[in-house]
PDB file of N, CA and C in Angstrom:
ATOM      1  N   MET A   1       0.839  -1.171   0.000  1.00  0.00           N
ATOM      2  CA  MET A   1       0.000   0.000   0.000  1.00  0.00           C
ATOM      3  C   MET A   1       0.892   1.246   0.000  1.00  0.00           C
ATOM      4  N   THR A   2       0.492   2.225  -0.790  1.00  0.00           N
ATOM      5  CA  THR A   2       1.261   3.456  -0.892  1.00  0.00           C
ATOM      6  C   THR A   2       1.029   4.336   0.328  1.00  0.00           C
ATOM      7  N   ALA A   3       2.094   4.842   0.894  1.00  0.00           N
ATOM      8  CA  ALA A   3       1.989   5.778   2.013  1.00  0.00           C
ATOM      9  C   ALA A   3       2.028   7.194   1.449  1.00  0.00           C
ATOM     10  N   TYR A   4       1.321   8.093   2.099  1.00  0.00           N
ATOM     11  CA  TYR A   4       1.280   9.472   1.641  1.00  0.00           C
ATOM     12  C   TYR A   4       1.301  10.401   2.843  1.00  0.00           C
ATOM     13  N   PHE A   5       1.558  11.672   2.581  1.00  0.00           N
ATOM     14  CA  PHE A   5       1.505  12.699   3.611  1.00  0.00           C
ATOM     15  C   PHE A   5       0.887  13.944   2.993  1.00  0.00           C
ATOM     16  N   SER A   6       0.267  14.762   3.833  1.00  0.00           N
ATOM     17  CA  SER A   6      -0.353  15.990   3.336  1.00  0.00           C
ATOM     18  C   SER A   6      -0.112  17.113   4.335  1.00  0.00           C
ATOM     19  N   TYR A   7      -0.015  18.328   3.796  1.00  0.00           N
ATOM     20  CA  TYR A   7       0.303  19.483   4.624  1.00  0.00           C
ATOM     21  C   TYR A   7       0.004  20.768   3.866  1.00  0.00           C
ATOM     22  N   VAL A   8       0.065  21.898   4.576  1.00  0.00           N
ATOM     23  CA  VAL A   8      -0.031  23.209   3.946  1.00  0.00           C
ATOM     24  C   VAL A   8       1.388  23.683   3.688  1.00  0.00           C
ATOM     25  N   GLY A   9       1.645  24.051   2.434  1.00  0.00           N
ATOM     26  CA  GLY A   9       2.966  24.511   2.047  1.00  0.00           C
ATOM     27  C   GLY A   9       2.979  25.990   1.694  1.00  0.00           C
ATOM     28  N   ASP A  10       4.177  26.526   1.668  1.00  0.00           N
ATOM     29  CA  ASP A  10       4.412  27.941   1.365  1.00  0.00           C
ATOM     30  C   ASP A  10       4.500  28.140  -0.143  1.00  0.00           C
ATOM     31  N   LEU A  11       3.496  28.771  -0.720  1.00  0.00           N
ATOM     32  CA  LEU A  11       3.464  29.026  -2.163  1.00  0.00           C
ATOM     33  C   LEU A  11       4.625  29.912  -2.600  1.00  0.00           C
ATOM     34  N   ASP A  12       5.129  30.750  -1.692  1.00  0.00           N
ATOM     35  CA  ASP A  12       6.219  31.674  -2.021  1.00  0.00           C
ATOM     36  C   ASP A  12       7.610  31.112  -1.734  1.00  0.00           C
ATOM     37  N   ASP A  13       7.704  29.831  -1.420  1.00  0.00           N
ATOM     38  CA  ASP A  13       8.998  29.190  -1.189  1.00  0.00           C
ATOM     39  C   ASP A  13       9.841  29.323  -2.457  1.00  0.00           C
ATOM     40  N   PRO A  14      11.019  29.952  -2.370  1.00  0.00           N
ATOM     41  CA  PRO A  14      11.838  30.149  -3.576  1.00  0.00           C
ATOM     42  C   PRO A  14      12.344  28.842  -4.193  1.00  0.00           C
ATOM     43  N   ASP A  15      12.338  27.755  -3.436  1.00  0.00           N
ATOM     44  CA  ASP A  15      12.784  26.465  -3.964  1.00  0.00           C
ATOM     45  C   ASP A  15      11.637  25.643  -4.564  1.00  0.00           C
ATOM     46  N   PHE A  16      10.454  26.245  -4.643  1.00  0.00           N
ATOM     47  CA  PHE A  16       9.268  25.558  -5.163  1.00  0.00           C
ATOM     48  C   PHE A  16       8.816  26.225  -6.452  1.00  0.00           C
ATOM     49  N   GLU A  17       8.454  25.421  -7.437  1.00  0.00           N
ATOM     50  CA  GLU A  17       7.994  25.931  -8.726  1.00  0.00           C
ATOM     51  C   GLU A  17       6.520  25.583  -8.918  1.00  0.00           C
ATOM     52  N   TRP A  18       5.640  26.585  -8.775  1.00  0.00           N
ATOM     53  CA  TRP A  18       4.205  26.366  -8.986  1.00  0.00           C
ATOM     54  C   TRP A  18       3.825  26.567 -10.440  1.00  0.00           C
ATOM     55  N   ASP A  19       4.269  27.664 -11.035  1.00  0.00           N
ATOM     56  CA  ASP A  19       3.812  28.036 -12.378  1.00  0.00           C
ATOM     57  C   ASP A  19       4.185  27.019 -13.440  1.00  0.00           C
ATOM     58  N   ASP A  20       5.380  26.475 -13.367  1.00  0.00           N
ATOM     59  CA  ASP A  20       5.825  25.486 -14.356  1.00  0.00           C
ATOM     60  C   ASP A  20       6.656  24.418 -13.647  1.00  0.00           C
ATOM     61  N   PRO A  21       5.982  23.413 -13.066  1.00  0.00           N
ATOM     62  CA  PRO A  21       6.719  22.385 -12.315  1.00  0.00           C
ATOM     63  C   PRO A  21       7.815  21.695 -13.119  1.00  0.00           C
ATOM     64  N   ALA A  22       7.698  21.675 -14.446  1.00  0.00           N
ATOM     65  CA  ALA A  22       8.733  21.040 -15.270  1.00  0.00           C
ATOM     66  C   ALA A  22      10.078  21.741 -15.116  1.00  0.00           C
ATOM     67  N   LEU A  23      10.069  23.005 -14.732  1.00  0.00           N
ATOM     68  CA  LEU A  23      11.332  23.733 -14.527  1.00  0.00           C
ATOM     69  C   LEU A  23      12.104  23.204 -13.326  1.00  0.00           C
ATOM     70  N   ALA A  24      11.436  22.476 -12.466  1.00  0.00           N
ATOM     71  CA  ALA A  24      12.068  21.956 -11.243  1.00  0.00           C
ATOM     72  C   ALA A  24      12.722  20.604 -11.463  1.00  0.00           C
ATOM     73  N   THR A  25      12.857  20.160 -12.698  1.00  0.00           N
ATOM     74  CA  THR A  25      13.403  18.824 -12.957  1.00  0.00           C
ATOM     75  C   THR A  25      14.857  18.675 -12.512  1.00  0.00           C
ATOM     76  N   HIS A  26      15.557  19.781 -12.322  1.00  0.00           N
ATOM     77  CA  HIS A  26      16.944  19.689 -11.848  1.00  0.00           C
ATOM     78  C   HIS A  26      17.013  19.297 -10.372  1.00  0.00           C
ATOM     79  N   ARG A  27      15.897  19.429  -9.672  1.00  0.00           N
ATOM     80  CA  ARG A  27      15.846  19.026  -8.263  1.00  0.00           C
ATOM     81  C   ARG A  27      15.221  17.645  -8.172  1.00  0.00           C
ATOM     82  N   HIS A  28      15.465  16.982  -7.083  1.00  0.00           N
ATOM     83  CA  HIS A  28      14.893  15.652  -6.873  1.00  0.00           C
ATOM     84  C   HIS A  28      13.381  15.723  -6.665  1.00  0.00           C
ATOM     85  N   ILE A  29      12.924  16.745  -5.933  1.00  0.00           N
ATOM     86  CA  ILE A  29      11.494  16.893  -5.675  1.00  0.00           C
ATOM     87  C   ILE A  29      11.083  18.356  -5.825  1.00  0.00           C
ATOM     88  N   ASN A  30       9.811  18.572  -6.136  1.00  0.00           N
ATOM     89  CA  ASN A  30       9.265  19.926  -6.233  1.00  0.00           C
ATOM     90  C   ASN A  30       8.130  20.046  -5.217  1.00  0.00           C
ATOM     91  N   LEU A  31       8.505  20.197  -3.967  1.00  0.00           N
ATOM     92  CA  LEU A  31       7.532  20.362  -2.896  1.00  0.00           C
ATOM     93  C   LEU A  31       7.824  21.654  -2.147  1.00  0.00           C
ATOM     94  N   PRO A  32       6.770  22.408  -1.785  1.00  0.00           N
ATOM     95  CA  PRO A  32       7.002  23.643  -1.038  1.00  0.00           C
ATOM     96  C   PRO A  32       7.350  23.366   0.421  1.00  0.00           C
ATOM     97  N   ARG A  33       7.944  24.354   1.037  1.00  0.00           N
ATOM     98  CA  ARG A  33       8.290  24.274   2.467  1.00  0.00           C
ATOM     99  C   ARG A  33       7.019  24.054   3.282  1.00  0.00           C
ATOM    100  N   ARG A  34       7.099  23.153   4.247  1.00  0.00           N
ATOM    101  CA  ARG A  34       5.977  22.843   5.145  1.00  0.00           C
ATOM    102  C   ARG A  34       5.700  23.996   6.091  1.00  0.00           C
ATOM    103  N   LEU A  35       4.408  24.290   6.276  1.00  0.00           N
ATOM    104  CA  LEU A  35       4.003  25.263   7.285  1.00  0.00           C
ATOM    105  C   LEU A  35       3.174  24.592   8.383  1.00  0.00           C
ATOM    106  N   VAL A  36       2.143  23.853   7.997  1.00  0.00           N
ATOM    107  CA  VAL A  36       1.263  23.155   8.949  1.00  0.00           C
ATOM    108  C   VAL A  36       0.884  21.814   8.353  1.00  0.00           C
ATOM    109  N   PRO A  37       0.994  20.727   9.076  1.00  0.00           N
ATOM    110  CA  PRO A  37       1.787  20.604  10.292  1.00  0.00           C
ATOM    111  C   PRO A  37       3.271  20.735   9.965  1.00  0.00           C
ATOM    112  N   SER A  38       4.001  21.293  10.896  1.00  0.00           N
ATOM    113  CA  SER A  38       5.413  21.577  10.625  1.00  0.00           C
ATOM    114  C   SER A  38       6.317  20.360  10.762  1.00  0.00           C
ATOM    115  N   ALA A  39       5.938  19.406  11.577  1.00  0.00           N
ATOM    116  CA  ALA A  39       6.769  18.205  11.770  1.00  0.00           C
ATOM    117  C   ALA A  39       6.637  17.276  10.564  1.00  0.00           C
ATOM    118  N   PRO A  40       7.742  16.782  10.028  1.00  0.00           N
ATOM    119  CA  PRO A  40       7.708  15.953   8.824  1.00  0.00           C
ATOM    120  C   PRO A  40       6.925  14.655   8.970  1.00  0.00           C
ATOM    121  N   HIS A  41       6.771  14.143  10.162  1.00  0.00           N
ATOM    122  CA  HIS A  41       6.062  12.879  10.368  1.00  0.00           C
ATOM    123  C   HIS A  41       4.556  13.085  10.570  1.00  0.00           C
ATOM    124  N   GLU A  42       4.084  14.338  10.605  1.00  0.00           N
ATOM    125  CA  GLU A  42       2.667  14.621  10.811  1.00  0.00           C
ATOM    126  C   GLU A  42       1.994  14.933   9.473  1.00  0.00           C
ATOM    127  N   SER A  43       0.691  14.658   9.396  1.00  0.00           N
ATOM    128  CA  SER A  43      -0.038  14.802   8.141  1.00  0.00           C
ATOM    129  C   SER A  43      -1.510  15.068   8.418  1.00  0.00           C
ATOM    130  N   PHE A  44      -2.181  15.730   7.474  1.00  0.00           N
ATOM    131  CA  PHE A  44      -3.633  15.922   7.556  1.00  0.00           C
ATOM    132  C   PHE A  44      -4.382  14.632   7.237  1.00  0.00           C
ATOM    133  N   GLY A  45      -3.734  13.702   6.550  1.00  0.00           N
ATOM    134  CA  GLY A  45      -4.395  12.454   6.168  1.00  0.00           C
ATOM    135  C   GLY A  45      -5.171  12.546   4.868  1.00  0.00           C
ATOM    136  N   ILE A  46      -4.876  13.531   4.058  1.00  0.00           N
ATOM    137  CA  ILE A  46      -5.547  13.687   2.757  1.00  0.00           C
ATOM    138  C   ILE A  46      -4.751  12.886   1.720  1.00  0.00           C
ATOM    139  N   SER A  47      -5.428  11.969   1.050  1.00  0.00           N
ATOM    140  CA  SER A  47      -4.729  11.122   0.083  1.00  0.00           C
ATOM    141  C   SER A  47      -4.519  11.839  -1.252  1.00  0.00           C
ATOM    142  N   ILE A  48      -3.517  11.389  -1.970  1.00  0.00           N
ATOM    143  CA  ILE A  48      -3.241  11.936  -3.303  1.00  0.00           C
ATOM    144  C   ILE A  48      -4.437  11.701  -4.212  1.00  0.00           C
ATOM    145  N   LEU A  49      -5.006  10.521  -4.161  1.00  0.00           N
ATOM    146  CA  LEU A  49      -6.136  10.187  -5.032  1.00  0.00           C
ATOM    147  C   LEU A  49      -7.323  11.120  -4.786  1.00  0.00           C
ATOM    148  N   TRP A  50      -7.644  11.381  -3.530  1.00  0.00           N
ATOM    149  CA  TRP A  50      -8.757  12.283  -3.222  1.00  0.00           C
ATOM    150  C   TRP A  50      -8.477  13.681  -3.764  1.00  0.00           C
ATOM    151  N   LEU A  51      -7.271  14.203  -3.490  1.00  0.00           N
ATOM    152  CA  LEU A  51      -6.926  15.550  -3.942  1.00  0.00           C
ATOM    153  C   LEU A  51      -6.922  15.624  -5.461  1.00  0.00           C
ATOM    154  N   MET A  52      -6.357  14.634  -6.115  1.00  0.00           N
ATOM    155  CA  MET A  52      -6.328  14.592  -7.576  1.00  0.00           C
ATOM    156  C   MET A  52      -7.746  14.617  -8.142  1.00  0.00           C
ATOM    157  N   ARG A  53      -8.635  13.827  -7.582  1.00  0.00           N
ATOM    158  CA  ARG A  53     -10.028  13.777  -8.069  1.00  0.00           C
ATOM    159  C   ARG A  53     -10.745  15.107  -7.850  1.00  0.00           C
ATOM    160  N   GLU A  54     -10.522  15.747  -6.714  1.00  0.00           N
ATOM    161  CA  GLU A  54     -11.144  17.050  -6.453  1.00  0.00           C
ATOM    162  C   GLU A  54     -10.660  18.098  -7.452  1.00  0.00           C
ATOM    163  N   ILE A  55      -9.378  18.056  -7.778  1.00  0.00           N
ATOM    164  CA  ILE A  55      -8.808  18.992  -8.748  1.00  0.00           C
ATOM    165  C   ILE A  55      -9.332  18.694 -10.144  1.00  0.00           C
ATOM    166  N   GLU A  56      -9.305  17.440 -10.545  1.00  0.00           N
ATOM    167  CA  GLU A  56      -9.767  17.069 -11.886  1.00  0.00           C
ATOM    168  C   GLU A  56     -11.257  17.346 -12.075  1.00  0.00           C
ATOM    169  N   ALA A  57     -12.050  17.261 -10.999  1.00  0.00           N
ATOM    170  CA  ALA A  57     -13.487  17.548 -11.080  1.00  0.00           C
ATOM    171  C   ALA A  57     -13.771  19.050 -11.039  1.00  0.00           C
ATOM    172  N   GLY A  58     -12.741  19.863 -10.797  1.00  0.00           N
ATOM    173  CA  GLY A  58     -12.917  21.307 -10.757  1.00  0.00           C
ATOM    174  C   GLY A  58     -13.410  21.846  -9.424  1.00  0.00           C
ATOM    175  N   ARG A  59     -13.462  21.010  -8.405  1.00  0.00           N
ATOM    176  CA  ARG A  59     -13.899  21.468  -7.084  1.00  0.00           C
ATOM    177  C   ARG A  59     -12.784  22.200  -6.336  1.00  0.00           C
ATOM    178  N   LEU A  60     -11.545  21.906  -6.687  1.00  0.00           N
ATOM    179  CA  LEU A  60     -10.382  22.618  -6.154  1.00  0.00           C
ATOM    180  C   LEU A  60      -9.519  23.041  -7.331  1.00  0.00           C
ATOM    181  N   LYS A  61      -8.801  24.155  -7.173  1.00  0.00           N
ATOM    182  CA  LYS A  61      -7.895  24.631  -8.224  1.00  0.00           C
ATOM    183  C   LYS A  61      -6.487  24.180  -7.888  1.00  0.00           C
ATOM    184  N   GLY A  62      -5.947  23.319  -8.718  1.00  0.00           N
ATOM    185  CA  GLY A  62      -4.618  22.813  -8.455  1.00  0.00           C
ATOM    186  C   GLY A  62      -4.097  21.997  -9.608  1.00  0.00           C
ATOM    187  N   LYS A  63      -3.033  21.232  -9.328  1.00  0.00           N
ATOM    188  CA  LYS A  63      -2.396  20.441 -10.376  1.00  0.00           C
ATOM    189  C   LYS A  63      -1.365  19.497  -9.775  1.00  0.00           C
ATOM    190  N   GLN A  64      -0.826  18.670 -10.634  1.00  0.00           N
ATOM    191  CA  GLN A  64       0.276  17.810 -10.231  1.00  0.00           C
ATOM    192  C   GLN A  64       1.530  18.668 -10.202  1.00  0.00           C
ATOM    193  N   ILE A  65       2.252  18.610  -9.087  1.00  0.00           N
ATOM    194  CA  ILE A  65       3.437  19.451  -8.930  1.00  0.00           C
ATOM    195  C   ILE A  65       4.738  18.664  -8.957  1.00  0.00           C
ATOM    196  N   ASP A  66       4.627  17.355  -8.865  1.00  0.00           N
ATOM    197  CA  ASP A  66       5.795  16.491  -8.871  1.00  0.00           C
ATOM    198  C   ASP A  66       5.308  15.103  -9.276  1.00  0.00           C
ATOM    199  N   TRP A  67       6.217  14.194  -9.558  1.00  0.00           N
ATOM    200  CA  TRP A  67       5.825  12.865  -9.995  1.00  0.00           C
ATOM    201  C   TRP A  67       4.822  12.237  -9.033  1.00  0.00           C
ATOM    202  N   GLY A  68       5.051  12.366  -7.744  1.00  0.00           N
ATOM    203  CA  GLY A  68       4.179  11.751  -6.753  1.00  0.00           C
ATOM    204  C   GLY A  68       3.484  12.751  -5.862  1.00  0.00           C
ATOM    205  N   ALA A  69       3.131  13.929  -6.396  1.00  0.00           N
ATOM    206  CA  ALA A  69       2.499  14.951  -5.557  1.00  0.00           C
ATOM    207  C   ALA A  69       1.504  15.800  -6.341  1.00  0.00           C
ATOM    208  N   TRP A  70       0.391  16.089  -5.690  1.00  0.00           N
ATOM    209  CA  TRP A  70      -0.630  16.998  -6.212  1.00  0.00           C
ATOM    210  C   TRP A  70      -0.834  18.098  -5.191  1.00  0.00           C
ATOM    211  N   ALA A  71      -1.263  19.276  -5.660  1.00  0.00           N
ATOM    212  CA  ALA A  71      -1.467  20.399  -4.752  1.00  0.00           C
ATOM    213  C   ALA A  71      -2.605  21.282  -5.234  1.00  0.00           C
ATOM    214  N   ALA A  72      -3.282  21.897  -4.283  1.00  0.00           N
ATOM    215  CA  ALA A  72      -4.359  22.842  -4.567  1.00  0.00           C
ATOM    216  C   ALA A  72      -4.011  24.183  -3.938  1.00  0.00           C
ATOM    217  N   ARG A  73      -4.228  25.258  -4.702  1.00  0.00           N
ATOM    218  CA  ARG A  73      -4.029  26.612  -4.166  1.00  0.00           C
ATOM    219  C   ARG A  73      -5.275  27.004  -3.401  1.00  0.00           C
ATOM    220  N   MET A  74      -5.078  27.372  -2.130  1.00  0.00           N
ATOM    221  CA  MET A  74      -6.209  27.717  -1.263  1.00  0.00           C
ATOM    222  C   MET A  74      -5.763  28.747  -0.234  1.00  0.00           C
ATOM    223  N   THR A  75      -6.721  29.519   0.265  1.00  0.00           N
ATOM    224  CA  THR A  75      -6.424  30.395   1.395  1.00  0.00           C
ATOM    225  C   THR A  75      -6.464  29.549   2.669  1.00  0.00           C
ATOM    226  N   ALA A  76      -5.906  30.088   3.738  1.00  0.00           N
ATOM    227  CA  ALA A  76      -5.958  29.386   5.019  1.00  0.00           C
ATOM    228  C   ALA A  76      -7.408  29.178   5.447  1.00  0.00           C
ATOM    229  N   ALA A  77      -8.268  30.170   5.212  1.00  0.00           N
ATOM    230  CA  ALA A  77      -9.686  30.048   5.572  1.00  0.00           C
ATOM    231  C   ALA A  77     -10.348  28.906   4.799  1.00  0.00           C
ATOM    232  N   GLU A  78     -10.009  28.748   3.530  1.00  0.00           N
ATOM    233  CA  GLU A  78     -10.569  27.649   2.729  1.00  0.00           C
ATOM    234  C   GLU A  78     -10.087  26.288   3.240  1.00  0.00           C
ATOM    235  N   ILE A  79      -8.836  26.224   3.644  1.00  0.00           N
ATOM    236  CA  ILE A  79      -8.289  24.967   4.162  1.00  0.00           C
ATOM    237  C   ILE A  79      -8.972  24.601   5.479  1.00  0.00           C
ATOM    238  N   ILE A  80      -9.191  25.586   6.340  1.00  0.00           N
ATOM    239  CA  ILE A  80      -9.897  25.338   7.602  1.00  0.00           C
ATOM    240  C   ILE A  80     -11.307  24.834   7.314  1.00  0.00           C
ATOM    241  N   ALA A  81     -11.991  25.456   6.356  1.00  0.00           N
ATOM    242  CA  ALA A  81     -13.349  25.027   6.000  1.00  0.00           C
ATOM    243  C   ALA A  81     -13.344  23.592   5.474  1.00  0.00           C
ATOM    244  N   LEU A  82     -12.331  23.241   4.706  1.00  0.00           N
ATOM    245  CA  LEU A  82     -12.225  21.893   4.147  1.00  0.00           C
ATOM    246  C   LEU A  82     -11.961  20.854   5.238  1.00  0.00           C
ATOM    247  N   LEU A  83     -11.029  21.155   6.132  1.00  0.00           N
ATOM    248  CA  LEU A  83     -10.626  20.197   7.162  1.00  0.00           C
ATOM    249  C   LEU A  83     -11.605  20.128   8.328  1.00  0.00           C
ATOM    250  N   GLY A  84     -12.314  21.211   8.581  1.00  0.00           N
ATOM    251  CA  GLY A  84     -13.272  21.237   9.675  1.00  0.00           C
ATOM    252  C   GLY A  84     -12.690  21.810  10.954  1.00  0.00           C
ATOM    253  N   ALA A  85     -13.557  22.385  11.753  1.00  0.00           N
ATOM    254  CA  ALA A  85     -13.153  23.060  12.984  1.00  0.00           C
ATOM    255  C   ALA A  85     -12.578  22.102  14.029  1.00  0.00           C
ATOM    256  N   GLU A  86     -12.868  20.814  13.900  1.00  0.00           N
ATOM    257  CA  GLU A  86     -12.387  19.840  14.882  1.00  0.00           C
ATOM    258  C   GLU A  86     -10.996  19.297  14.550  1.00  0.00           C
ATOM    259  N   ASN A  87     -10.451  19.692  13.401  1.00  0.00           N
ATOM    260  CA  ASN A  87      -9.136  19.183  13.009  1.00  0.00           C
ATOM    261  C   ASN A  87      -8.097  19.585  14.053  1.00  0.00           C
ATOM    262  N   GLN A  88      -7.197  18.669  14.370  1.00  0.00           N
ATOM    263  CA  GLN A  88      -6.204  18.924  15.425  1.00  0.00           C
ATOM    264  C   GLN A  88      -5.250  20.062  15.098  1.00  0.00           C
ATOM    265  N   TYR A  89      -5.165  20.456  13.813  1.00  0.00           N
ATOM    266  CA  TYR A  89      -4.238  21.524  13.424  1.00  0.00           C
ATOM    267  C   TYR A  89      -4.930  22.863  13.204  1.00  0.00           C
ATOM    268  N   VAL A  90      -6.211  22.967  13.541  1.00  0.00           N
ATOM    269  CA  VAL A  90      -6.960  24.187  13.230  1.00  0.00           C
ATOM    270  C   VAL A  90      -6.365  25.414  13.932  1.00  0.00           C
ATOM    271  N   SER A  91      -5.865  25.275  15.147  1.00  0.00           N
ATOM    272  CA  SER A  91      -5.274  26.441  15.821  1.00  0.00           C
ATOM    273  C   SER A  91      -4.021  26.911  15.089  1.00  0.00           C
ATOM    274  N   ASP A  92      -3.232  25.982  14.564  1.00  0.00           N
ATOM    275  CA  ASP A  92      -2.058  26.362  13.763  1.00  0.00           C
ATOM    276  C   ASP A  92      -2.481  27.045  12.467  1.00  0.00           C
ATOM    277  N   LEU A  93      -3.541  26.550  11.862  1.00  0.00           N
ATOM    278  CA  LEU A  93      -4.039  27.143  10.617  1.00  0.00           C
ATOM    279  C   LEU A  93      -4.584  28.550  10.851  1.00  0.00           C
ATOM    280  N   HIS A  94      -5.162  28.802  12.009  1.00  0.00           N
ATOM    281  CA  HIS A  94      -5.674  30.144  12.326  1.00  0.00           C
ATOM    282  C   HIS A  94      -4.541  31.155  12.480  1.00  0.00           C
ATOM    283  N   ARG A  95      -3.331  30.696  12.743  1.00  0.00           N
ATOM    284  CA  ARG A  95      -2.183  31.604  12.872  1.00  0.00           C
ATOM    285  C   ARG A  95      -1.685  32.093  11.514  1.00  0.00           C
ATOM    286  N   LEU A  96      -2.089  31.403  10.443  1.00  0.00           N
ATOM    287  CA  LEU A  96      -1.703  31.825   9.096  1.00  0.00           C
ATOM    288  C   LEU A  96      -2.573  32.991   8.651  1.00  0.00           C
ATOM    289  N   ASP A  97      -2.071  33.776   7.705  1.00  0.00           N
ATOM    290  CA  ASP A  97      -2.862  34.849   7.097  1.00  0.00           C
ATOM    291  C   ASP A  97      -4.051  34.199   6.395  1.00  0.00           C
ATOM    292  N   GLN A  98      -5.261  34.504   6.820  1.00  0.00           N
ATOM    293  CA  GLN A  98      -6.456  33.829   6.329  1.00  0.00           C
ATOM    294  C   GLN A  98      -6.776  34.129   4.873  1.00  0.00           C
ATOM    295  N   ASN A  99      -6.239  35.205   4.326  1.00  0.00           N
ATOM    296  CA  ASN A  99      -6.538  35.593   2.945  1.00  0.00           C
ATOM    297  C   ASN A  99      -5.413  35.291   1.961  1.00  0.00           C
ATOM    298  N   ARG A 100      -4.269  34.911   2.470  1.00  0.00           N
ATOM    299  CA  ARG A 100      -3.125  34.602   1.606  1.00  0.00           C
ATOM    300  C   ARG A 100      -3.293  33.227   0.968  1.00  0.00           C
ATOM    301  N   GLN A 101      -2.750  33.064  -0.223  1.00  0.00           N
ATOM    302  CA  GLN A 101      -2.786  31.773  -0.912  1.00  0.00           C
ATOM    303  C   GLN A 101      -1.656  30.876  -0.384  1.00  0.00           C
ATOM    304  N   TYR A 102      -2.028  29.633  -0.113  1.00  0.00           N
ATOM    305  CA  TYR A 102      -1.087  28.595   0.288  1.00  0.00           C
ATOM    306  C   TYR A 102      -1.274  27.403  -0.648  1.00  0.00           C
ATOM    307  N   VAL A 103      -0.545  26.342  -0.389  1.00  0.00           N
ATOM    308  CA  VAL A 103      -0.655  25.138  -1.200  1.00  0.00           C
ATOM    309  C   VAL A 103      -0.996  23.949  -0.291  1.00  0.00           C
ATOM    310  N   LEU A 104      -2.145  23.349  -0.528  1.00  0.00           N
ATOM    311  CA  LEU A 104      -2.504  22.114   0.169  1.00  0.00           C
ATOM    312  C   LEU A 104      -1.899  20.975  -0.632  1.00  0.00           C
ATOM    313  N   VAL A 105      -0.933  20.283  -0.054  1.00  0.00           N
ATOM    314  CA  VAL A 105      -0.138  19.285  -0.746  1.00  0.00           C
ATOM    315  C   VAL A 105      -0.477  17.891  -0.244  1.00  0.00           C
ATOM    316  N   SER A 106      -0.557  16.940  -1.173  1.00  0.00           N
ATOM    317  CA  SER A 106      -0.594  15.530  -0.816  1.00  0.00           C
ATOM    318  C   SER A 106       0.437  14.840  -1.696  1.00  0.00           C
ATOM    319  N   ALA A 107       1.308  14.057  -1.067  1.00  0.00           N
ATOM    320  CA  ALA A 107       2.412  13.453  -1.801  1.00  0.00           C
ATOM    321  C   ALA A 107       2.703  12.041  -1.291  1.00  0.00           C
ATOM    322  N   GLU A 108       3.302  11.252  -2.154  1.00  0.00           N
ATOM    323  CA  GLU A 108       3.729   9.912  -1.755  1.00  0.00           C
ATOM    324  C   GLU A 108       4.943  10.022  -0.858  1.00  0.00           C
ATOM    325  N   ALA A 109       4.965   9.160   0.153  1.00  0.00           N
ATOM    326  CA  ALA A 109       6.097   9.155   1.086  1.00  0.00           C
ATOM    327  C   ALA A 109       7.226   8.304   0.534  1.00  0.00           C
TER     328      ALA A 109
END
């Protein structure tokens, strides 16, 4: 079974290529810097397949950003609405700028 992880990433990370992920081929991976959850072993539990289907159906705006990763551009407020008020990371998400665009990432581990 494929393992995956999901998190909110920094869209403005200079080491991340959103506009043209193919430009990042010189790097091993094209993933933005983690913001929430910040620990590498923690995850929202959102699968790549679910995120891919939401993007392909037009319910979320995003794309494939790496061979084993999909991402959706969302504000912090949109991510909170998606995850729900009971999510264990909601207090961390409230610390983010609620109107700024971030990247909700799901990737293979």
